[in-house]
Amino acid sequence: MVDIKICGIQTPDILSIVAQSGARFAGFVFAEHSPRAIHPEQARLLARQLPTGLRSVGLCVDPDDYLLSRIVSAVPLDFIQLHGHESVARVQAIKSRYHIPIIKAFALSSPEDLAQIEAYVPVIDWILCDAKAPAGGKIPGGNGIPFDWTILKEKKFAKPWMLSGGLTSANVGEALSLLSPDAVDVSSGVESQRGVKDAGKIKEFIAAVKNSLA
């Protein structure tokens, strides 16, 4: 079984579609430069509507303690996703302070990039393998860019891991024929325009994942 994370949820109607379609993780983006950014109070209201089994994920990029405290005090998060250049020590400090499981994103484009992951394994709960942002890009994820999946072929991790980066209903089956992640993570691949989630594309993506595993 491969779990599914839909990231960048901003509205009740999209949250309802995500819940009904069988996703496992609902992601809220707390990064100001992202077109998917959400205010903690908005996220709090949405998180209260999560059905049993759908886990809330708060995505942050190099957050300071003030921002994290605002988010955690407002939103009942099941996971904190760190998507910036957080050091191992910083990740450990965040986990120790808030006692919330951590998903750490790693930007990949070549086999050499995999080396960075090992040092984080003792202090995180999930590994997220994402594509590197384009040169000059303002956000590290959600850019709709895939990377060379073959660098992860036969790769084994000591923690569960998610595949992200440019996934769509058209290519997720190919990715899952090559790799065996514990979850797949999508944002731009289920949007009608940048930052705007599309109910039909969410359903198509989840169906494509399920069909690839049938």
Protein backbone atom coordinates (compact mmCIF):
# COMPACT_ATOMS: atom_id res chain seq x y z
CA MET A 1 0.00 0.00 0.00
CA VAL A 2 1.23 3.49 -0.90
CA ASP A 3 -0.23 6.38 1.08
CA ILE A 4 -1.07 9.68 -0.58
CA LYS A 5 -0.39 13.24 0.57
CA ILE A 6 -2.18 16.18 -1.01
CA CYS A 7 -0.30 19.35 -0.13
CA GLY A 8 -1.35 22.98 -0.28
CA ILE A 9 -4.95 22.68 0.87
CA GLN A 10 -6.65 26.02 1.46
CA THR A 11 -10.42 25.51 1.29
CA PRO A 12 -13.09 23.31 2.92
CA ASP A 13 -14.35 21.95 -0.41
CA ILE A 14 -10.93 20.71 -1.44
CA LEU A 15 -10.33 19.24 2.00
CA SER A 16 -13.61 17.35 1.64
CA ILE A 17 -12.54 15.92 -1.74
CA VAL A 18 -9.16 14.89 -0.31
CA ALA A 19 -10.85 13.13 2.60
CA GLN A 20 -13.45 11.38 0.46
CA SER A 21 -10.92 10.23 -2.13
CA GLY A 22 -8.84 8.27 0.34
CA ALA A 23 -5.72 10.36 0.88
CA ARG A 24 -3.74 9.75 4.08
CA PHE A 25 -2.09 13.16 4.58
CA ALA A 26 -3.44 16.71 4.16
CA GLY A 27 -0.77 19.37 3.86
CA PHE A 28 -1.05 23.00 4.94
CA VAL A 29 1.64 25.35 3.67
CA PHE A 30 3.00 27.98 6.08
CA ALA A 31 5.55 29.52 3.69
CA GLU A 32 4.79 33.14 2.82
CA HIS A 33 6.22 33.06 -0.71
CA SER A 34 4.12 30.07 -1.73
CA PRO A 35 0.90 30.57 -3.72
CA ARG A 36 -0.51 27.85 -1.46
CA ALA A 37 0.25 29.67 1.80
CA ILE A 38 -2.42 29.58 4.46
CA HIS A 39 -2.85 31.58 7.68
CA PRO A 40 -2.65 29.48 10.87
CA GLU A 41 -6.20 30.46 11.81
CA GLN A 42 -7.55 29.26 8.46
CA ALA A 43 -5.61 26.04 8.86
CA ARG A 44 -6.99 25.59 12.36
CA LEU A 45 -10.54 25.69 11.07
CA LEU A 46 -9.75 23.21 8.32
CA ALA A 47 -7.82 20.86 10.60
CA ARG A 48 -10.83 20.63 12.90
CA GLN A 49 -12.74 19.10 9.97
CA LEU A 50 -10.26 16.30 9.32
CA PRO A 51 -11.90 12.89 9.54
CA THR A 52 -10.29 10.08 11.49
CA GLY A 53 -7.40 8.65 9.50
CA LEU A 54 -6.52 11.81 7.57
CA ARG A 55 -3.36 13.24 9.10
CA SER A 56 -2.53 16.95 9.15
CA VAL A 57 0.90 18.14 7.99
CA GLY A 58 2.22 21.67 8.47
CA LEU A 59 4.86 22.59 5.89
CA CYS A 60 7.42 25.20 6.93
CA VAL A 61 10.57 26.53 5.28
CA ASP A 62 13.39 27.39 7.71
CA PRO A 63 10.84 28.51 10.34
CA ASP A 64 11.89 30.49 13.39
CA ASP A 65 10.54 29.70 16.86
CA TYR A 66 7.98 32.50 16.72
CA LEU A 67 6.35 31.17 13.56
CA LEU A 68 6.40 27.59 14.75
CA SER A 69 4.83 28.53 18.06
CA ARG A 70 2.06 30.44 16.28
CA ILE A 71 1.34 27.47 14.03
CA VAL A 72 1.51 24.75 16.66
CA SER A 73 -0.61 26.70 19.16
CA ALA A 74 -3.30 27.27 16.53
CA VAL A 75 -3.32 24.10 14.45
CA PRO A 76 -3.55 20.50 15.73
CA LEU A 77 -0.76 19.05 13.60
CA ASP A 78 0.11 15.38 13.28
CA PHE A 79 3.39 16.20 11.49
CA ILE A 80 5.70 19.15 10.89
CA GLN A 81 7.27 19.11 7.44
CA LEU A 82 10.56 20.99 7.20
CA HIS A 83 11.26 21.97 3.61
CA GLY A 84 14.19 24.34 3.91
CA HIS A 85 17.87 24.14 4.83
CA GLU A 86 17.29 23.20 8.45
CA SER A 87 20.38 21.64 10.05
CA VAL A 88 20.28 18.37 11.96
CA ALA A 89 20.61 20.33 15.20
CA ARG A 90 17.71 22.61 14.26
CA VAL A 91 15.49 19.66 13.37
CA GLN A 92 16.33 18.00 16.66
CA ALA A 93 15.54 21.20 18.56
CA ILE A 94 12.16 21.53 16.85
CA LYS A 95 11.24 17.94 17.55
CA SER A 96 12.35 18.18 21.18
CA ARG A 97 10.41 21.38 21.74
CA TYR A 98 7.10 20.44 20.12
CA HIS A 99 7.10 16.63 20.34
CA ILE A 100 5.51 16.37 16.90
CA PRO A 101 6.79 13.86 14.30
CA ILE A 102 8.99 15.40 11.62
CA ILE A 103 8.97 14.99 7.85
CA LYS A 104 12.21 16.36 6.37
CA ALA A 105 12.37 17.21 2.68
CA PHE A 106 15.55 16.70 0.68
CA ALA A 107 16.20 18.30 -2.71
CA LEU A 108 17.62 15.76 -5.13
CA SER A 109 18.99 15.79 -8.66
CA SER A 110 21.91 13.34 -8.59
CA PRO A 111 23.04 10.25 -6.63
CA GLU A 112 25.47 12.45 -4.68
CA ASP A 113 22.56 14.35 -3.16
CA LEU A 114 21.43 11.23 -1.30
CA ALA A 115 24.41 11.45 1.06
CA GLN A 116 22.84 14.36 2.98
CA ILE A 117 19.96 12.22 4.21
CA GLU A 118 21.85 9.85 6.49
CA ALA A 119 22.74 12.41 9.16
CA TYR A 120 19.07 13.32 9.61
CA VAL A 121 17.70 9.79 9.96
CA PRO A 122 18.07 9.61 13.78
CA VAL A 123 16.06 12.81 14.33
CA ILE A 124 13.24 12.54 11.76
CA ASP A 125 10.24 10.29 11.24
CA TRP A 126 9.75 10.53 7.48
CA ILE A 127 12.05 11.28 4.55
CA LEU A 128 10.62 13.28 1.64
CA CYS A 129 12.53 13.05 -1.63
CA ASP A 130 11.79 16.10 -3.79
CA ALA A 131 13.23 17.79 -6.86
CA LYS A 132 15.57 20.73 -6.56
CA ALA A 133 13.97 24.10 -7.13
CA PRO A 134 14.79 25.90 -10.39
CA ALA A 135 17.52 28.54 -10.30
CA GLY A 136 16.11 31.71 -8.80
CA GLY A 137 12.99 29.97 -7.54
CA LYS A 138 11.39 31.48 -4.43
CA ILE A 139 9.91 28.25 -3.08
CA PRO A 140 11.78 24.97 -2.54
CA GLY A 141 8.83 22.70 -3.38
CA GLY A 142 5.60 22.65 -5.33
CA ASN A 143 7.35 23.67 -8.55
CA GLY A 144 5.97 20.85 -10.69
CA ILE A 145 9.44 19.60 -11.56
CA PRO A 146 10.27 15.87 -11.52
CA PHE A 147 13.79 14.57 -10.96
CA ASP A 148 15.60 11.47 -12.13
CA TRP A 149 13.78 8.76 -10.21
CA THR A 150 16.38 6.15 -11.12
CA ILE A 151 18.73 7.57 -8.48
CA LEU A 152 16.36 6.08 -5.90
CA LYS A 153 16.01 2.68 -7.54
CA GLU A 154 16.93 -0.08 -5.09
CA LYS A 155 17.54 2.58 -2.41
CA LYS A 156 16.59 1.50 1.09
CA PHE A 157 15.97 3.95 3.91
CA ALA A 158 15.85 3.35 7.66
CA LYS A 159 12.70 5.50 7.89
CA PRO A 160 9.54 5.58 5.76
CA TRP A 161 9.78 7.87 2.77
CA MET A 162 7.66 9.91 0.39
CA LEU A 163 8.26 10.61 -3.28
CA SER A 164 7.50 14.15 -4.44
CA GLY A 165 8.38 16.47 -7.29
CA GLY A 166 6.36 16.90 -10.46
CA LEU A 167 4.04 13.97 -9.91
CA THR A 168 0.75 13.92 -11.86
CA SER A 169 -1.93 11.37 -12.65
CA ALA A 170 -0.10 10.80 -15.94
CA ASN A 171 3.30 9.87 -14.48
CA VAL A 172 2.71 8.55 -10.96
CA GLY A 173 2.11 5.05 -12.29
CA GLU A 174 5.49 5.10 -14.02
CA ALA A 175 7.13 6.29 -10.81
CA LEU A 176 5.54 3.51 -8.80
CA SER A 177 6.55 0.90 -11.35
CA LEU A 178 10.15 1.92 -10.73
CA LEU A 179 10.14 2.73 -7.00
CA SER A 180 8.44 1.57 -3.81
CA PRO A 181 7.91 4.63 -1.63
CA ASP A 182 5.73 4.46 1.45
CA ALA A 183 3.82 7.50 0.18
CA VAL A 184 3.58 9.90 -2.73
CA ASP A 185 3.19 13.66 -2.29
CA VAL A 186 1.54 15.96 -4.82
CA SER A 187 0.72 19.66 -4.97
CA SER A 188 1.08 21.40 -8.36
CA GLY A 189 0.15 18.19 -10.18
CA VAL A 190 -3.44 18.47 -8.95
CA GLU A 191 -3.97 22.15 -9.74
CA SER A 192 -5.92 23.90 -12.48
CA GLN A 193 -3.62 26.90 -12.12
CA ARG A 194 -0.75 27.75 -9.82
CA GLY A 195 -1.96 27.47 -6.23
CA VAL A 196 -5.54 26.47 -7.13
CA LYS A 197 -6.43 22.86 -6.36
CA ASP A 198 -8.67 21.01 -8.82
CA ALA A 199 -11.12 18.45 -7.43
CA GLY A 200 -11.13 16.42 -10.64
CA LYS A 201 -7.34 16.24 -10.79
CA ILE A 202 -7.16 15.16 -7.15
CA LYS A 203 -9.57 12.30 -7.87
CA GLU A 204 -7.64 11.35 -11.02
CA PHE A 205 -4.32 11.34 -9.17
CA ILE A 206 -5.58 9.16 -6.33
CA ALA A 207 -7.23 6.80 -8.79
CA ALA A 208 -3.99 6.55 -10.76
CA VAL A 209 -2.07 5.62 -7.61
CA LYS A 210 -4.61 2.97 -6.68
CA ASN A 211 -4.72 1.56 -10.23
CA SER A 212 -0.94 1.27 -10.36
CA LEU A 213 -1.04 -0.91 -7.24
CA ALA A 214 -3.93 -3.11 -8.34
